[in-house]
Amino acid sequence: MKLLLENVSRIYESDGNKTPALTEISVSFREGDQVMITGESGAGKSTLLNIIGLLDRGYQGHYFIAGKNAREYSAKEEALMRNKMFSYIFQEYALLESETVYDNVKVPLLYSDVPKKKHREYIEEALDQVGLSGHLRKKVKHLSGGERQRVAIARALVNKPRVILADEPTGSLDSKNRRLVLDIIYNYLDETKILIFVTHDLEKNRRGTQRILHLHQGRLSVG
């Protein structure tokens, strides 16, 4: 599978004013890629992830997924792709605080084609991957920050996605939890998966020899 962006730009309009967020981005990602994207705040990193993850259709240019133009997907097909192929890991967890760990991890399965009788199996497998198999019935509000991020990762992995979009996932963690979270993310990857990891701190988050891209004022450069 290949993701290909060709001359993609994103301009936001407000009160007649136009603000470019991305300018003529051309980049591709293939199975097995582990890509780090750096750049200052406001450089367009999250905007780029939103376009790749089919959360933003207001761009100009072309985006191809496995050779098919993303604009050709129906609303139903697009929703299925977002649910099954792509998963997001955010810095701020985005969890349901008053619900249990089990119910939080279950959310993506509610919109998937995974049979209900398989839900518990999938959830337990995802929680085992992040070392929280004993926390099924705990309320999220009673967890530490590191545990909450691990729940968020379990939720991201429960549908066994092929593309992980990580938006500063370790930004609010201490060094111990950062290492733990990175171990979980990188252990999930294989030659069929793609990781696109946005970070302000390259040296603390990189592993191995990933490709490094830099965004500056909406323009992309390598290294």
Protein backbone atom coordinates (compact mmCIF):
# COMPACT_ATOMS: atom_id res chain seq x y z
CA MET A 1 0.00 0.00 0.00
CA LYS A 2 1.16 3.52 -0.79
CA LEU A 3 -0.08 6.93 0.33
CA LEU A 4 0.76 9.70 -2.13
CA LEU A 5 0.17 13.44 -1.80
CA GLU A 6 0.75 15.56 -4.92
CA ASN A 7 0.88 19.35 -4.66
CA VAL A 8 -1.43 19.41 -1.66
CA SER A 9 -2.20 22.83 -0.19
CA ARG A 10 -4.56 23.86 2.59
CA ILE A 11 -5.82 27.41 3.02
CA TYR A 12 -8.08 28.51 5.87
CA GLU A 13 -10.44 31.41 5.32
CA SER A 14 -11.91 33.62 8.04
CA ASP A 15 -13.63 36.98 7.64
CA GLY A 16 -12.33 37.26 4.10
CA ASN A 17 -8.74 36.60 5.13
CA LYS A 18 -6.85 33.62 3.73
CA THR A 19 -4.19 31.84 5.79
CA PRO A 20 -2.11 29.13 4.10
CA ALA A 21 -1.48 26.15 6.39
CA LEU A 22 0.18 23.89 3.79
CA THR A 23 1.73 24.83 0.45
CA GLU A 24 2.24 22.35 -2.41
CA ILE A 25 3.10 19.30 -0.32
CA SER A 26 4.29 16.32 -2.38
CA VAL A 27 5.28 13.24 -0.37
CA SER A 28 4.67 9.50 -0.32
CA PHE A 29 4.54 6.83 2.37
CA ARG A 30 4.89 3.08 1.82
CA GLU A 31 4.40 -0.07 3.87
CA GLY A 32 7.15 -0.35 6.45
CA ASP A 33 7.82 3.41 6.56
CA GLN A 34 8.51 5.06 9.92
CA VAL A 35 8.45 8.80 9.30
CA MET A 36 9.13 11.59 11.78
CA ILE A 37 7.69 15.04 11.00
CA THR A 38 9.15 18.00 12.85
CA GLY A 39 8.45 21.71 12.78
CA GLU A 40 7.58 24.66 14.96
CA SER A 41 4.10 25.21 16.35
CA GLY A 42 1.78 26.33 13.56
CA ALA A 43 3.95 24.84 10.80
CA GLY A 44 1.06 22.68 9.54
CA LYS A 45 1.96 19.31 11.09
CA SER A 46 -1.49 18.49 12.49
CA THR A 47 -3.16 19.78 9.33
CA LEU A 48 -1.06 17.35 7.29
CA LEU A 49 -2.03 14.45 9.57
CA ASN A 50 -5.71 15.39 9.29
CA ILE A 51 -5.55 15.26 5.50
CA ILE A 52 -3.70 11.93 5.50
CA GLY A 53 -6.21 10.48 7.98
CA LEU A 54 -9.23 11.61 5.91
CA LEU A 55 -10.37 14.08 8.55
CA ASP A 56 -9.96 17.15 6.33
CA ARG A 57 -11.26 17.35 2.75
CA GLY A 58 -10.77 21.09 2.30
CA TYR A 59 -7.41 20.78 0.60
CA GLN A 60 -6.31 21.51 -2.96
CA GLY A 61 -4.21 19.02 -4.91
CA HIS A 62 -4.40 15.25 -5.01
CA TYR A 63 -4.20 12.51 -2.38
CA PHE A 64 -4.04 8.87 -3.47
CA ILE A 65 -4.50 5.82 -1.26
CA ALA A 66 -3.28 2.61 -2.90
CA GLY A 67 -3.60 4.33 -6.27
CA LYS A 68 -7.15 5.63 -5.79
CA ASN A 69 -7.89 9.34 -5.47
CA ALA A 70 -9.21 9.91 -1.95
CA ARG A 71 -11.95 12.20 -3.29
CA GLU A 72 -13.46 9.24 -5.16
CA TYR A 73 -14.41 7.45 -1.96
CA SER A 74 -18.05 7.64 -0.95
CA ALA A 75 -18.86 8.96 2.53
CA LYS A 76 -19.44 5.38 3.71
CA GLU A 77 -16.17 4.15 2.21
CA GLU A 78 -14.28 7.06 3.71
CA ALA A 79 -15.73 6.40 7.16
CA LEU A 80 -14.73 2.74 6.90
CA MET A 81 -11.20 3.72 5.85
CA ARG A 82 -10.87 6.12 8.79
CA ASN A 83 -12.03 3.42 11.16
CA LYS A 84 -10.11 0.43 9.88
CA MET A 85 -7.00 1.66 8.05
CA PHE A 86 -6.02 4.78 10.03
CA SER A 87 -5.64 5.31 13.77
CA TYR A 88 -4.79 8.47 15.66
CA ILE A 89 -2.80 8.81 18.88
CA PHE A 90 -3.14 12.30 20.37
CA GLN A 91 -1.12 14.13 23.01
CA GLU A 92 -4.19 14.84 25.13
CA TYR A 93 -5.62 11.30 25.09
CA ALA A 94 -9.18 12.31 24.01
CA LEU A 95 -10.74 9.67 26.28
CA LEU A 96 -14.18 9.42 27.89
CA GLU A 97 -13.13 10.23 31.45
CA SER A 98 -16.22 8.89 33.25
CA GLU A 99 -16.24 5.58 31.33
CA THR A 100 -14.26 2.43 31.94
CA VAL A 101 -11.08 1.43 30.15
CA TYR A 102 -13.05 -1.33 28.41
CA ASP A 103 -15.69 1.07 27.11
CA ASN A 104 -13.07 3.52 25.84
CA VAL A 105 -11.15 0.91 23.90
CA LYS A 106 -14.41 -0.47 22.50
CA VAL A 107 -15.41 2.77 20.73
CA PRO A 108 -13.72 2.08 17.35
CA LEU A 109 -15.25 -1.39 17.26
CA LEU A 110 -18.75 0.09 17.41
CA TYR A 111 -18.20 1.54 13.92
CA SER A 112 -16.30 -1.40 12.46
CA ASP A 113 -17.23 -4.66 10.76
CA VAL A 114 -15.83 -6.72 13.65
CA PRO A 115 -18.64 -9.01 14.97
CA LYS A 116 -19.87 -8.09 18.46
CA LYS A 117 -18.99 -11.53 19.77
CA LYS A 118 -15.35 -10.72 18.93
CA HIS A 119 -15.26 -7.33 20.68
CA ARG A 120 -14.05 -8.56 24.06
CA GLU A 121 -11.31 -10.64 22.43
CA TYR A 122 -10.06 -7.63 20.45
CA ILE A 123 -10.20 -5.32 23.48
CA GLU A 124 -8.35 -7.74 25.74
CA GLU A 125 -5.68 -8.25 23.08
CA ALA A 126 -5.20 -4.48 22.69
CA LEU A 127 -4.97 -3.92 26.45
CA ASP A 128 -2.51 -6.78 26.79
CA GLN A 129 -0.33 -5.07 24.17
CA VAL A 130 -0.13 -1.94 26.34
CA GLY A 131 0.24 -3.77 29.66
CA LEU A 132 -3.20 -2.88 31.03
CA SER A 133 -4.97 -6.23 30.90
CA GLY A 134 -5.91 -5.91 34.58
CA HIS A 135 -7.57 -2.51 34.16
CA LEU A 136 -10.64 -3.44 32.12
CA ARG A 137 -13.23 -2.13 34.59
CA LYS A 138 -11.32 0.84 35.95
CA LYS A 139 -12.68 4.29 35.25
CA VAL A 140 -10.34 6.40 33.14
CA LYS A 141 -10.59 9.30 35.60
CA HIS A 142 -8.78 7.18 38.19
CA LEU A 143 -5.76 6.45 35.95
CA SER A 144 -2.42 8.23 35.80
CA GLY A 145 -1.35 10.23 32.74
CA GLY A 146 0.85 7.42 31.48
CA GLU A 147 -1.92 4.87 31.91
CA ARG A 148 -4.38 7.12 30.07
CA GLN A 149 -2.02 7.40 27.11
CA ARG A 150 -1.67 3.62 27.06
CA VAL A 151 -5.47 3.30 27.01
CA ALA A 152 -5.53 5.75 24.10
CA ILE A 153 -2.98 3.61 22.26
CA ALA A 154 -4.99 0.44 22.96
CA ARG A 155 -8.01 2.20 21.46
CA ALA A 156 -5.91 3.17 18.42
CA LEU A 157 -4.67 -0.40 17.93
CA VAL A 158 -7.86 -2.34 18.63
CA ASN A 159 -8.90 -2.37 14.94
CA LYS A 160 -5.39 -3.47 13.90
CA PRO A 161 -4.82 -0.38 11.67
CA ARG A 162 -2.23 -0.22 8.91
CA VAL A 163 -1.41 3.47 9.38
CA ILE A 164 -0.62 5.03 12.77
CA LEU A 165 -0.87 8.83 12.89
CA ALA A 166 0.82 9.95 16.10
CA ASP A 167 0.41 13.64 16.96
CA GLU A 168 2.87 14.46 19.79
CA PRO A 169 1.82 11.29 21.70
CA THR A 170 4.58 11.64 24.30
CA GLY A 171 4.47 15.41 24.68
CA SER A 172 2.90 15.42 28.16
CA LEU A 173 4.65 12.32 29.57
CA ASP A 174 7.64 11.95 31.85
CA SER A 175 10.72 10.08 30.60
CA LYS A 176 9.68 6.69 32.02
CA ASN A 177 6.21 6.77 30.46
CA ARG A 178 7.58 8.22 27.23
CA ARG A 179 9.89 5.22 26.81
CA LEU A 180 7.03 2.84 27.62
CA VAL A 181 4.68 4.46 25.11
CA LEU A 182 7.34 4.48 22.39
CA ASP A 183 8.06 0.79 23.04
CA ILE A 184 4.37 -0.02 22.57
CA ILE A 185 4.07 1.96 19.33
CA TYR A 186 7.25 0.61 17.75
CA ASN A 187 6.59 -2.97 18.84
CA TYR A 188 3.29 -2.85 16.96
CA LEU A 189 4.96 -1.95 13.68
CA ASP A 190 6.05 -4.41 11.00
CA GLU A 191 6.76 -4.39 7.28
CA THR A 192 3.05 -3.91 6.48
CA LYS A 193 2.46 -0.87 8.73
CA ILE A 194 3.12 2.85 8.30
CA LEU A 195 3.97 5.19 11.17
CA ILE A 196 3.74 8.97 10.71
CA PHE A 197 4.92 10.59 13.93
CA VAL A 198 4.69 14.34 14.58
CA THR A 199 7.05 15.64 17.26
CA HIS A 200 8.74 18.77 18.56
CA ASP A 201 11.51 16.66 20.09
CA LEU A 202 13.05 14.41 17.46
CA GLU A 203 15.88 12.97 19.54
CA LYS A 204 13.63 11.81 22.39
CA ASN A 205 11.12 10.07 20.11
CA ARG A 206 13.02 8.60 17.18
CA ARG A 207 14.09 4.99 16.97
CA GLY A 208 16.48 3.59 14.39
CA THR A 209 16.80 5.25 10.99
CA GLN A 210 13.39 6.67 10.22
CA ARG A 211 12.86 9.14 7.43
CA ILE A 212 12.77 12.69 8.77
CA LEU A 213 10.63 15.43 7.23
CA HIS A 214 10.56 19.04 8.33
CA LEU A 215 7.66 21.46 7.97
CA HIS A 216 8.33 25.18 8.03
CA GLN A 217 5.51 27.64 7.40
CA GLY A 218 3.55 24.97 5.56
CA ARG A 219 6.37 23.85 3.28
CA LEU A 220 8.02 20.46 3.47
CA SER A 221 11.71 19.60 3.32
CA VAL A 222 13.69 16.41 3.96
CA GLY A 223 16.00 16.13 6.97
